[in-house]
Amino acid sequence: RLQGMEDGAVTGQINRRRRPAVRAARRLHEDHSAQAPARGLDKRARRQVHVLLVMVAERGSPPEEGVCLYMIDLAGSERQKRSGVSGQGFSEMVANNAALSALGRVASSLVKKD
């Protein structure tokens, strides 16, 4: 049961009945899948990155006193030889791979900073 939503963040607790959270995650995936067509050898591959930030704090404590967990799904990175893309698809692949590399550097920097 989700108790509330403030400043774009879900607050409260999710108990055994996680259905609202599961439905929201499924809806997010479906929205992105509809916008990003599959290409190449793996028809399930998508040109997208999902970032999920989970903040856990004791009840009654401010979120910044808890812990943060970043989960990053880097789905979509591919090699031209395996996927066989060309033209516009190749340009998209290059841009996507560059963005994933940059995201990897950001994640490494965050780890080093902590």
Protein backbone atom coordinates (compact mmCIF):
# COMPACT_ATOMS: atom_id res chain seq x y z
CA ARG A 1 0.00 0.00 0.00
CA LEU A 2 1.54 3.29 -1.06
CA GLN A 3 0.73 5.97 1.48
CA GLY A 4 1.56 9.15 -0.38
CA MET A 5 3.53 11.01 -2.95
CA GLU A 6 5.41 14.21 -2.24
CA ASP A 7 7.92 16.07 -4.42
CA GLY A 8 7.88 13.25 -6.97
CA ALA A 9 8.92 10.67 -4.36
CA VAL A 10 6.81 7.83 -3.05
CA THR A 11 6.69 7.89 0.73
CA GLY A 12 5.33 5.44 3.20
CA GLN A 13 5.58 1.71 3.13
CA ILE A 14 4.85 -1.03 0.69
CA ASN A 15 3.44 -4.03 2.50
CA ARG A 16 2.73 -7.54 1.24
CA ARG A 17 0.29 -6.21 -1.31
CA ARG A 18 2.83 -4.62 -3.66
CA ARG A 19 0.44 -4.44 -6.57
CA PRO A 20 0.41 -0.62 -6.94
CA ALA A 21 4.23 -0.52 -7.14
CA VAL A 22 4.35 -3.49 -9.50
CA ARG A 23 1.68 -1.94 -11.73
CA ALA A 24 3.59 1.36 -11.83
CA ALA A 25 6.83 -0.39 -12.80
CA ARG A 26 5.05 -2.42 -15.48
CA ARG A 27 3.39 0.72 -16.88
CA LEU A 28 6.76 2.51 -17.02
CA HIS A 29 8.28 -0.44 -18.89
CA GLU A 30 5.36 -0.62 -21.34
CA ASP A 31 5.55 3.13 -22.06
CA HIS A 32 9.27 2.92 -22.84
CA SER A 33 8.90 -0.27 -24.86
CA ALA A 34 6.26 1.32 -27.06
CA GLN A 35 8.60 4.24 -27.81
CA ALA A 36 11.75 2.21 -28.45
CA PRO A 37 11.48 -0.42 -31.19
CA ALA A 38 13.64 -3.53 -30.98
CA ARG A 39 16.44 -3.86 -33.53
CA GLY A 40 19.10 -6.33 -34.52
CA LEU A 41 19.44 -9.92 -33.41
CA ASP A 42 17.74 -9.71 -30.03
CA LYS A 43 14.18 -8.53 -30.65
CA ARG A 44 13.73 -7.95 -26.91
CA ALA A 45 16.58 -5.43 -26.75
CA ARG A 46 15.48 -1.84 -26.29
CA ARG A 47 17.36 1.41 -26.66
CA GLN A 48 16.66 2.71 -23.20
CA VAL A 49 18.11 3.07 -19.75
CA HIS A 50 16.10 2.79 -16.55
CA VAL A 51 17.29 4.39 -13.33
CA LEU A 52 15.52 3.57 -10.08
CA LEU A 53 16.46 5.35 -6.87
CA VAL A 54 15.34 3.64 -3.66
CA MET A 55 15.67 5.64 -0.46
CA VAL A 56 15.12 3.78 2.81
CA ALA A 57 14.85 5.57 6.14
CA GLU A 58 13.37 4.75 9.50
CA ARG A 59 9.77 5.77 9.97
CA GLY A 60 9.64 9.38 11.13
CA SER A 61 13.20 10.15 9.99
CA PRO A 62 13.97 12.48 7.09
CA PRO A 63 14.88 10.60 3.87
CA GLU A 64 18.37 12.12 3.80
CA GLU A 65 19.21 10.25 7.02
CA GLY A 66 18.54 6.90 5.36
CA VAL A 67 20.36 5.04 2.64
CA CYS A 68 20.14 5.39 -1.13
CA LEU A 69 20.29 2.57 -3.62
CA TYR A 70 20.63 3.37 -7.30
CA MET A 71 19.63 0.58 -9.67
CA ILE A 72 20.54 1.16 -13.29
CA ASP A 73 19.42 -1.07 -16.13
CA LEU A 74 21.80 -0.48 -19.03
CA ALA A 75 19.75 -2.47 -21.54
CA GLY A 76 20.28 -1.40 -25.10
CA SER A 77 24.05 -1.39 -25.48
CA GLU A 78 24.98 -3.30 -28.60
CA ARG A 79 27.73 -3.99 -31.10
CA GLN A 80 27.24 -3.21 -34.76
CA LYS A 81 28.61 -6.55 -35.97
CA ARG A 82 26.13 -8.51 -33.83
CA SER A 83 23.07 -6.38 -34.51
CA GLY A 84 23.73 -5.61 -38.17
CA VAL A 85 22.18 -2.14 -37.92
CA SER A 86 23.01 0.51 -40.50
CA GLY A 87 21.93 4.01 -41.48
CA GLN A 88 19.75 5.79 -38.90
CA GLY A 89 19.82 2.73 -36.63
CA PHE A 90 23.63 2.83 -36.62
CA SER A 91 23.62 6.53 -35.66
CA GLU A 92 21.18 5.79 -32.84
CA MET A 93 23.34 2.88 -31.67
CA VAL A 94 26.47 5.07 -31.55
CA ALA A 95 24.64 7.78 -29.58
CA ASN A 96 23.13 5.20 -27.23
CA ASN A 97 26.48 3.53 -26.54
CA ALA A 98 28.10 6.94 -25.92
CA ALA A 99 25.34 7.81 -23.43
CA LEU A 100 25.80 4.47 -21.66
CA SER A 101 29.55 5.06 -21.41
CA ALA A 102 28.93 8.50 -19.91
CA LEU A 103 26.45 7.02 -17.45
CA GLY A 104 29.03 4.42 -16.47
CA ARG A 105 31.55 7.18 -15.74
CA VAL A 106 28.96 9.03 -13.63
CA ALA A 107 28.21 5.87 -11.64
CA SER A 108 31.94 5.28 -11.08
CA SER A 109 32.36 8.87 -9.89
CA LEU A 110 29.46 8.49 -7.45
CA VAL A 111 31.03 5.35 -6.00
CA LYS A 112 34.44 7.03 -5.64
CA LYS A 113 32.83 10.07 -3.98
CA ASP A 114 31.18 7.92 -1.29
